[in-house]
Amino acid sequence: MKFKQSDGQNQRIERITTSHLVVGIDMAKETHVAQATNFRGIVLSNRHLSFKNTQEGFEKLQRWLDALQQKHRLKSPIIGMEPTGHYWTNLANWLAQKGVHVVLVNPATTKRNKENRDNCPSKSDPKDALVIADVVSRGYYYDYTRQAPHFQRLRTIMSDREFWVTNSVRLQNRIVRWLDIRFPEYASVFKDWTCPRSMATLKEFPSPSDLNGQSTEGVITAWRKYMKRAGGSTGIQKAAELISTARQSVGDTTALREAKQDLQRLLEEYQRIANILEQIEKELVTLLGEIPLVSQLRSVKGLGTIYIAAILSGAGDLKQYAHGRQLLRKAGLNLAESMSGKRKGEIVISKRGDAKLRKYLYLATLTMVGTNPVFRQLHEHNVQVKHMSKQQSVFKLLGKLARILIGMVQSGETFTPEKTVHSYAQAA
């Protein structure tokens, strides 16, 4: 399929022929509902089909499809469904294994088309299934294709990592809140409370009162339980600064015993999650080593392990994309504008795509602006010469990154600065 949206839309419509049985399925956790139409949208089923999310339910759907095909002399079923949460995956995989053409419909499309037939805002499972069948017959869908095992594993690991990262951030915020209440001056001593010396302090001297009567030698001795190089000029300076700050602390001292217990539990859980994330990153490095195109992506300075893993888990095999615009649309980074008559609205990104892929493409671009000389030069040119805002420049470079990644994979080449910025070629 061509990368232009208009061409792709026409090709999707052309796929629906007179021999197609178009089926829309409204997904749920336990019971799904299906409706069937022909290519013109004429309803072929006397009544909607309800079936369970079980093997018996799937076989019931298969018998229903076979009966409709035989009755109406249709050969090619095309099954449309909304990717609602995770409820759709088992049925989609089962149908795909049977060789049935499965397509997905954006829930926003279903919502916007639910009044087409009856001009009524009512909502029900059979009606939603019929709406899905209607929009599929008009080509408003995208194909469901199962990714290769490497990319499925990558998606699972990155989903797991996102969960633990979220928990880690919550714990960190909770610990910072604890320090703000009990030891508000702590940040003036340790800018980063997660550094080894700070972690040792929180375990041995969590509150200012624990430092009363302590000497610098005593503090350093306590630190040595958790770190090898606790002393030295830096250690002595930090210990003295910590003791001095604790004497002037205005932190809350009520229910201190219970508060200390809470902090120790938070620290233990934070360390446990940190170990989990470290193990996940090792697994990611091993898995990425088994994917051939990763070596090409690593040639782009600033594109580290996590960014590469996140992009491939969200986008899948980059070889399936013909142009960077397809990757941008997958992430919901394609542009959208609102115009009517003389009014011209602001151009924004659509955000109709994978939110995680969108986030990591954006973060990768920010990192590369800071670490990659090519992207830094392009960013400076956009801001100083073209007078773009910094945010506009970042999004422009994000589009360039998408085109570079797809171009590299399609051509089988590594990143070449001379092909990205003309001044590099002139300097050579």
Protein backbone atom coordinates (compact mmCIF):
# COMPACT_ATOMS: atom_id res chain seq x y z
CA MET A 1 0.00 0.00 0.00
CA LYS A 2 1.26 3.47 -0.88
CA PHE A 3 2.18 5.82 1.94
CA LYS A 4 -0.11 8.68 0.87
CA GLN A 5 -3.24 8.73 2.99
CA SER A 6 -5.56 9.41 0.03
CA ASP A 7 -4.07 6.53 -1.98
CA GLY A 8 -4.28 4.20 1.00
CA GLN A 9 -7.92 5.14 1.60
CA ASN A 10 -8.84 4.41 -2.02
CA GLN A 11 -7.06 1.07 -1.92
CA ARG A 12 -8.90 0.04 1.24
CA ILE A 13 -12.24 0.86 -0.40
CA GLU A 14 -11.30 -1.06 -3.55
CA ARG A 15 -10.58 -4.15 -1.47
CA ILE A 16 -14.27 -4.45 -0.52
CA THR A 17 -15.87 -6.26 -3.45
CA THR A 18 -19.31 -7.70 -4.23
CA SER A 19 -18.17 -11.08 -2.90
CA HIS A 20 -17.28 -9.75 0.58
CA LEU A 21 -19.20 -10.47 3.75
CA VAL A 22 -18.54 -7.46 5.97
CA VAL A 23 -18.83 -8.22 9.70
CA GLY A 24 -18.62 -5.76 12.57
CA ILE A 25 -17.98 -7.03 16.10
CA ASP A 26 -18.48 -5.00 19.26
CA MET A 27 -15.93 -6.29 21.75
CA ALA A 28 -16.49 -6.83 25.47
CA LYS A 29 -14.82 -8.73 28.27
CA GLU A 30 -17.18 -11.72 28.27
CA THR A 31 -19.76 -11.46 25.46
CA HIS A 32 -19.15 -10.06 21.97
CA VAL A 33 -21.85 -8.95 19.51
CA ALA A 34 -21.62 -9.29 15.70
CA GLN A 35 -23.58 -7.85 12.78
CA ALA A 36 -23.12 -8.63 9.07
CA THR A 37 -23.68 -6.59 5.91
CA ASN A 38 -22.73 -6.80 2.25
CA PHE A 39 -20.37 -4.40 0.50
CA ARG A 40 -23.17 -1.80 0.14
CA GLY A 41 -24.06 -1.85 3.83
CA ILE A 42 -27.28 -3.87 3.49
CA VAL A 43 -27.82 -5.90 6.66
CA LEU A 44 -27.71 -9.63 5.91
CA SER A 45 -28.34 -11.13 9.34
CA ASN A 46 -31.91 -11.47 10.64
CA ARG A 47 -30.61 -10.78 14.14
CA HIS A 48 -27.29 -9.90 15.69
CA LEU A 49 -25.11 -12.69 17.04
CA SER A 50 -23.97 -12.77 20.67
CA PHE A 51 -21.12 -15.12 21.51
CA LYS A 52 -18.80 -15.71 24.45
CA ASN A 53 -15.11 -14.96 24.61
CA THR A 54 -14.32 -18.69 24.66
CA GLN A 55 -13.40 -21.42 22.19
CA GLU A 56 -17.06 -22.45 21.98
CA GLY A 57 -18.06 -18.85 21.32
CA PHE A 58 -15.48 -18.44 18.57
CA GLU A 59 -16.68 -21.64 16.88
CA LYS A 60 -20.26 -20.35 17.12
CA LEU A 61 -19.13 -17.22 15.25
CA GLN A 62 -17.44 -19.39 12.60
CA ARG A 63 -20.63 -21.41 12.01
CA TRP A 64 -22.64 -18.18 11.75
CA LEU A 65 -20.21 -16.78 9.17
CA ASP A 66 -20.28 -19.99 7.13
CA ALA A 67 -24.10 -20.00 7.11
CA LEU A 68 -24.29 -16.37 5.95
CA GLN A 69 -21.72 -16.94 3.22
CA GLN A 70 -23.57 -19.97 1.94
CA LYS A 71 -26.99 -18.28 2.07
CA HIS A 72 -25.90 -15.10 0.26
CA ARG A 73 -23.26 -16.75 -1.96
CA LEU A 74 -20.40 -14.69 -0.59
CA LYS A 75 -16.79 -15.91 -0.51
CA SER A 76 -14.61 -13.48 1.40
CA PRO A 77 -15.39 -12.46 5.00
CA ILE A 78 -13.73 -9.34 6.38
CA ILE A 79 -14.04 -8.96 10.14
CA GLY A 80 -13.88 -5.48 11.68
CA MET A 81 -13.53 -4.79 15.39
CA GLU A 82 -12.48 -2.04 17.77
CA PRO A 83 -9.17 -2.59 19.60
CA THR A 84 -10.94 -2.08 22.94
CA GLY A 85 -8.42 -2.59 25.74
CA HIS A 86 -7.13 -6.15 25.53
CA TYR A 87 -10.50 -7.85 24.95
CA TRP A 88 -10.07 -8.12 21.19
CA THR A 89 -6.68 -9.81 21.00
CA ASN A 90 -7.72 -13.44 21.55
CA LEU A 91 -10.48 -13.35 18.93
CA ALA A 92 -8.32 -11.45 16.42
CA ASN A 93 -5.49 -13.97 16.80
CA TRP A 94 -7.87 -16.93 16.51
CA LEU A 95 -9.44 -15.54 13.32
CA ALA A 96 -6.03 -14.63 11.85
CA GLN A 97 -4.81 -18.19 12.42
CA LYS A 98 -7.88 -19.41 10.51
CA GLY A 99 -6.87 -17.21 7.58
CA VAL A 100 -9.75 -14.74 8.05
CA HIS A 101 -9.08 -11.11 7.07
CA VAL A 102 -9.20 -9.09 10.31
CA VAL A 103 -9.22 -5.28 10.35
CA LEU A 104 -9.38 -2.75 13.18
CA VAL A 105 -11.52 0.37 13.49
CA ASN A 106 -10.57 3.36 15.62
CA PRO A 107 -13.13 3.78 18.48
CA ALA A 108 -13.29 7.50 17.65
CA THR A 109 -14.51 6.57 14.15
CA THR A 110 -17.29 4.43 15.60
CA LYS A 111 -18.36 7.20 17.96
CA ARG A 112 -18.54 9.76 15.18
CA ASN A 113 -20.55 7.50 12.85
CA LYS A 114 -23.10 6.02 15.26
CA GLU A 115 -25.93 8.34 14.08
CA ASN A 116 -25.49 7.69 10.35
CA ARG A 117 -28.32 5.15 10.02
CA ASP A 118 -30.99 6.38 12.45
CA ASN A 119 -29.98 9.97 13.26
CA CYS A 120 -30.23 9.03 16.93
CA PRO A 121 -27.58 9.25 19.67
CA SER A 122 -28.71 5.96 21.25
CA LYS A 123 -26.00 3.39 21.87
CA SER A 124 -26.15 -0.39 22.16
CA ASP A 125 -23.87 -3.31 21.40
CA PRO A 126 -25.79 -4.44 18.26
CA LYS A 127 -25.85 -0.86 16.95
CA ASP A 128 -22.12 -0.42 17.56
CA ALA A 129 -21.43 -3.69 15.71
CA LEU A 130 -23.47 -2.44 12.75
CA VAL A 131 -21.65 0.91 12.77
CA ILE A 132 -18.31 -0.92 12.70
CA ALA A 133 -19.47 -2.97 9.69
CA ASP A 134 -20.56 0.25 7.96
CA VAL A 135 -17.25 2.05 8.41
CA VAL A 136 -15.32 -1.03 7.29
CA SER A 137 -17.35 -1.15 4.06
CA ARG A 138 -16.33 2.49 3.44
CA GLY A 139 -12.65 1.75 3.98
CA TYR A 140 -12.22 3.43 7.38
CA TYR A 141 -10.07 0.72 8.91
CA TYR A 142 -6.49 -0.49 9.17
CA ASP A 143 -5.22 -4.04 8.79
CA TYR A 144 -4.38 -6.25 11.74
CA THR A 145 -1.11 -8.07 11.23
CA ARG A 146 0.66 -10.13 13.85
CA GLN A 147 4.23 -9.05 14.35
CA ALA A 148 7.19 -11.41 14.26
CA PRO A 149 7.98 -13.11 17.61
CA HIS A 150 10.92 -10.77 18.34
CA PHE A 151 8.69 -7.70 18.14
CA GLN A 152 5.91 -9.34 20.17
CA ARG A 153 8.42 -10.16 22.91
CA LEU A 154 9.76 -6.62 22.73
CA ARG A 155 6.27 -5.15 23.11
CA THR A 156 5.58 -7.37 26.14
CA ILE A 157 8.84 -6.43 27.86
CA MET A 158 8.36 -2.70 27.22
CA SER A 159 4.79 -2.86 28.51
CA ASP A 160 6.13 -4.51 31.67
CA ARG A 161 8.81 -1.84 31.96
CA GLU A 162 6.25 0.98 31.65
CA PHE A 163 4.33 -0.52 34.59
CA TRP A 164 7.38 -0.65 36.83
CA VAL A 165 8.59 2.80 35.77
CA THR A 166 5.20 4.23 36.73
CA ASN A 167 5.40 2.56 40.15
CA SER A 168 8.96 3.80 40.59
CA VAL A 169 7.92 7.40 39.87
CA ARG A 170 5.07 7.14 42.39
CA LEU A 171 7.45 5.85 45.04
CA GLN A 172 9.97 8.59 44.33
CA ASN A 173 7.29 11.24 44.65
CA ARG A 174 6.18 9.68 47.93
CA ILE A 175 9.74 9.70 49.30
CA VAL A 176 10.27 13.33 48.23
CA ARG A 177 7.01 14.22 50.00
CA TRP A 178 8.30 12.46 53.14
CA LEU A 179 11.51 14.48 53.06
CA ASP A 180 9.64 17.75 52.46
CA ILE A 181 7.68 17.14 55.65
CA ARG A 182 10.30 15.57 57.93
CA PHE A 183 13.60 17.01 56.63
CA PRO A 184 12.87 19.91 54.21
CA GLU A 185 16.50 21.05 54.16
CA TYR A 186 17.72 17.65 52.91
CA ALA A 187 17.75 18.73 49.25
CA SER A 188 20.31 21.45 50.02
CA VAL A 189 22.80 18.72 51.02
CA PHE A 190 21.95 16.07 48.43
CA LYS A 191 20.68 17.40 45.13
CA ASP A 192 19.92 13.83 44.05
CA TRP A 193 18.45 11.81 46.90
CA THR A 194 18.95 8.56 44.94
CA CYS A 195 22.79 8.76 44.99
CA PRO A 196 24.55 6.06 47.11
CA ARG A 197 25.58 8.44 49.91
CA SER A 198 22.05 9.81 50.19
CA MET A 199 20.49 6.34 50.22
CA ALA A 200 22.88 5.34 53.01
CA THR A 201 21.86 8.44 54.96
CA LEU A 202 18.14 7.75 54.60
CA LYS A 203 18.65 4.23 55.90
CA GLU A 204 20.81 5.21 58.90
CA PHE A 205 19.78 8.81 59.69
CA PRO A 206 16.36 9.43 58.12
CA SER A 207 15.37 12.32 60.40
CA PRO A 208 17.32 15.34 61.70
CA SER A 209 17.02 14.06 65.28
CA ASP A 210 19.03 10.95 64.32
CA LEU A 211 21.99 13.20 63.54
CA ASN A 212 22.01 14.95 66.92
CA GLY A 213 25.28 14.23 68.72
CA GLN A 214 26.81 12.54 65.68
CA SER A 215 30.34 13.37 64.51
CA THR A 216 31.54 13.39 60.92
CA GLU A 217 33.53 10.22 61.63
CA GLY A 218 30.42 8.51 63.00
CA VAL A 219 28.35 9.43 59.95
CA ILE A 220 31.06 8.19 57.56
CA THR A 221 31.39 4.95 59.52
CA ALA A 222 27.63 4.38 59.15
CA TRP A 223 27.86 5.10 55.43
CA ARG A 224 30.52 2.39 55.00
CA LYS A 225 27.84 -0.27 55.61
CA TYR A 226 26.32 0.60 52.24
CA MET A 227 29.18 1.98 50.11
CA LYS A 228 32.90 1.34 49.70
CA ARG A 229 34.25 4.86 49.30
CA ALA A 230 32.32 6.70 51.98
CA GLY A 231 35.13 8.94 53.22
CA GLY A 232 37.59 11.24 51.50
CA SER A 233 37.36 15.00 51.33
CA THR A 234 33.93 14.84 49.69
CA GLY A 235 32.58 12.47 52.33
CA ILE A 236 33.86 14.59 55.22
CA GLN A 237 32.40 17.73 53.66
CA LYS A 238 29.00 16.13 53.07
CA ALA A 239 28.88 14.65 56.57
CA ALA A 240 29.69 18.02 58.17
CA GLU A 241 27.14 19.79 55.99
CA LEU A 242 24.50 17.19 56.84
CA ILE A 243 25.06 17.52 60.60
CA SER A 244 25.00 21.32 60.41
CA THR A 245 21.79 21.34 58.36
CA ALA A 246 20.07 18.86 60.69
CA ARG A 247 20.63 21.16 63.69
CA GLN A 248 18.67 23.95 62.00
CA SER A 249 15.91 21.75 60.54
CA VAL A 250 12.28 22.74 60.95
CA GLY A 251 10.98 19.31 59.96
CA ASP A 252 7.90 17.81 61.62
CA THR A 253 8.73 15.45 64.50
CA THR A 254 5.26 14.11 65.33
CA ALA A 255 4.70 10.34 64.99
CA LEU A 256 8.37 10.06 64.05
CA ARG A 257 8.67 6.34 64.78
CA GLU A 258 5.82 5.46 62.41
CA ALA A 259 7.13 7.88 59.79
CA LYS A 260 10.56 6.20 59.85
CA GLN A 261 8.96 2.81 59.36
CA ASP A 262 7.05 4.18 56.38
CA LEU A 263 10.24 5.58 54.84
CA GLN A 264 12.13 2.31 55.25
CA ARG A 265 9.33 0.41 53.53
CA LEU A 266 9.31 2.95 50.70
CA LEU A 267 13.09 2.67 50.27
CA GLU A 268 12.97 -1.12 50.22
CA GLU A 269 10.24 -1.10 47.57
CA TYR A 270 12.09 1.52 45.52
CA GLN A 271 15.27 -0.58 45.56
CA ARG A 272 13.31 -3.69 44.61
CA ILE A 273 11.78 -1.96 41.60
CA ALA A 274 15.17 -0.48 40.64
CA ASN A 275 16.56 -4.03 40.53
CA ILE A 276 13.60 -5.18 38.39
CA LEU A 277 14.17 -2.33 35.93
CA GLU A 278 17.88 -3.17 35.76
CA GLN A 279 17.05 -6.80 34.94
CA ILE A 280 14.52 -5.72 32.29
CA GLU A 281 17.14 -3.52 30.61
CA LYS A 282 19.54 -6.48 30.44
CA GLU A 283 16.80 -8.56 28.81
CA LEU A 284 16.16 -5.75 26.32
CA VAL A 285 19.84 -5.61 25.35
CA THR A 286 19.85 -9.38 24.75
CA LEU A 287 16.63 -9.30 22.71
CA LEU A 288 17.70 -6.32 20.61
CA GLY A 289 20.88 -8.19 19.74
CA GLU A 290 18.69 -10.77 17.94
CA ILE A 291 17.02 -8.17 15.66
CA PRO A 292 19.18 -7.38 12.59
CA LEU A 293 17.97 -3.81 11.93
CA VAL A 294 18.93 -2.68 15.46
CA SER A 295 22.58 -2.32 14.39
CA GLN A 296 21.46 0.29 11.84
CA LEU A 297 19.44 2.21 14.44
CA ARG A 298 22.37 2.21 16.87
CA SER A 299 24.41 4.16 14.31
CA VAL A 300 22.27 7.22 15.14
CA LYS A 301 24.02 8.93 18.04
CA GLY A 302 21.64 9.60 20.93
CA LEU A 303 19.31 6.70 20.07
CA GLY A 304 19.94 4.44 23.05
CA THR A 305 18.68 1.00 24.05
CA ILE A 306 15.43 2.16 25.65
CA TYR A 307 14.51 4.46 22.77
CA ILE A 308 15.18 1.79 20.15
CA ALA A 309 13.22 -0.81 22.14
CA ALA A 310 10.29 1.59 22.63
CA ILE A 311 10.15 2.56 18.95
CA LEU A 312 10.28 -1.05 17.73
CA SER A 313 7.77 -2.25 20.32
CA GLY A 314 5.29 0.44 19.31
CA ALA A 315 5.88 0.46 15.56
CA GLY A 316 6.88 -3.16 14.97
CA ASP A 317 9.14 -4.05 12.07
CA LEU A 318 10.13 -0.75 10.42
CA LYS A 319 10.50 -2.54 7.08
CA GLN A 320 6.72 -2.59 6.75
CA TYR A 321 6.66 1.22 6.38
CA ALA A 322 7.23 2.83 3.00
CA HIS A 323 7.73 6.37 4.33
CA GLY A 324 8.34 8.18 7.60
CA ARG A 325 4.84 9.69 7.41
CA GLN A 326 3.38 6.26 8.06
CA LEU A 327 5.41 6.00 11.26
CA LEU A 328 4.26 9.47 12.32
CA ARG A 329 0.62 8.51 11.67
CA LYS A 330 1.10 5.31 13.67
CA ALA A 331 2.22 7.45 16.61
CA GLY A 332 -0.50 10.08 16.12
CA LEU A 333 2.07 12.70 15.18
CA ASN A 334 0.53 13.59 11.83
CA LEU A 335 -0.68 17.18 11.54
CA ALA A 336 -4.34 18.20 11.84
CA GLU A 337 -5.86 21.58 11.09
CA SER A 338 -9.30 23.18 11.30
CA MET A 339 -10.40 25.52 8.47
CA SER A 340 -13.78 26.96 7.54
CA GLY A 341 -14.35 29.87 5.15
CA LYS A 342 -12.09 32.72 6.18
CA ARG A 343 -11.22 31.12 9.50
CA LYS A 344 -8.00 29.18 9.71
CA GLY A 345 -7.42 27.36 12.97
CA GLU A 346 -4.16 26.36 14.57
CA ILE A 347 -2.34 23.33 13.16
CA VAL A 348 -1.85 20.67 15.85
CA ILE A 349 -0.81 17.02 16.03
CA SER A 350 -3.72 14.59 15.75
CA LYS A 351 -2.78 12.34 18.72
CA ARG A 352 -4.69 9.54 16.96
CA GLY A 353 -2.16 6.80 17.48
CA ASP A 354 0.07 4.91 19.91
CA ALA A 355 0.67 7.22 22.88
CA LYS A 356 3.79 5.37 24.09
CA LEU A 357 5.36 5.45 20.64
CA ARG A 358 4.56 9.17 20.43
CA LYS A 359 6.16 9.81 23.82
CA TYR A 360 9.39 7.97 23.09
CA LEU A 361 9.81 9.47 19.62
CA TYR A 362 9.49 12.90 21.21
CA LEU A 363 11.92 12.09 24.04
CA ALA A 364 14.40 10.56 21.59
CA THR A 365 14.32 13.74 19.50
CA LEU A 366 14.93 15.91 22.57
CA THR A 367 17.89 13.73 23.55
CA MET A 368 19.35 13.87 20.05
CA VAL A 369 19.07 17.66 19.93
CA GLY A 370 21.32 17.69 22.98
CA THR A 371 23.76 14.90 22.05
CA ASN A 372 23.74 14.46 18.27
CA PRO A 373 25.74 17.19 16.46
CA VAL A 374 23.65 16.80 13.28
CA PHE A 375 20.34 17.32 15.05
CA ARG A 376 21.84 20.09 17.18
CA GLN A 377 22.91 21.93 14.03
CA LEU A 378 19.49 21.48 12.44
CA HIS A 379 17.80 22.71 15.62
CA GLU A 380 20.00 25.81 15.81
CA HIS A 381 19.30 26.53 12.13
CA ASN A 382 15.55 26.24 12.69
CA VAL A 383 15.60 28.54 15.71
CA GLN A 384 18.15 31.15 14.61
CA VAL A 385 17.66 31.29 10.83
CA LYS A 386 14.07 30.18 10.29
CA HIS A 387 12.95 31.86 13.55
CA MET A 388 10.96 28.85 14.74
CA SER A 389 10.14 28.37 18.40
CA LYS A 390 12.16 25.64 20.08
CA GLN A 391 9.08 23.44 20.37
CA GLN A 392 8.25 23.85 16.67
CA SER A 393 11.81 22.93 15.79
CA VAL A 394 11.68 19.79 17.94
CA PHE A 395 8.53 18.58 16.22
CA LYS A 396 9.99 19.34 12.81
CA LEU A 397 13.08 17.30 13.72
CA LEU A 398 10.83 14.53 15.03
CA GLY A 399 9.41 14.19 11.53
CA LYS A 400 12.94 14.16 10.12
CA LEU A 401 13.93 11.42 12.58
CA ALA A 402 10.99 9.29 11.41
CA ARG A 403 12.00 9.72 7.77
CA ILE A 404 15.65 8.95 8.57
CA LEU A 405 14.76 5.74 10.44
CA ILE A 406 12.51 4.42 7.68
CA GLY A 407 14.99 5.47 4.98
CA MET A 408 17.86 3.69 6.75
CA VAL A 409 15.89 0.47 7.16
CA GLN A 410 14.57 0.49 3.59
CA SER A 411 18.01 1.14 2.08
CA GLY A 412 19.93 -1.08 4.49
CA GLU A 413 22.37 1.74 5.30
CA THR A 414 23.63 3.21 8.56
CA PHE A 415 23.21 6.84 9.58
CA THR A 416 25.19 9.22 7.36
CA PRO A 417 25.48 12.87 8.53
CA GLU A 418 26.40 14.02 4.99
CA LYS A 419 22.97 12.96 3.71
CA THR A 420 21.20 14.80 6.52
CA VAL A 421 22.98 18.18 6.65
CA HIS A 422 24.59 19.66 3.53
CA SER A 423 27.25 21.52 5.51
CA TYR A 424 28.82 18.21 6.51
CA ALA A 425 29.29 17.26 2.88
CA GLN A 426 30.70 20.74 2.07
CA ALA A 427 33.17 20.55 4.97
CA ALA A 428 34.38 17.15 3.77
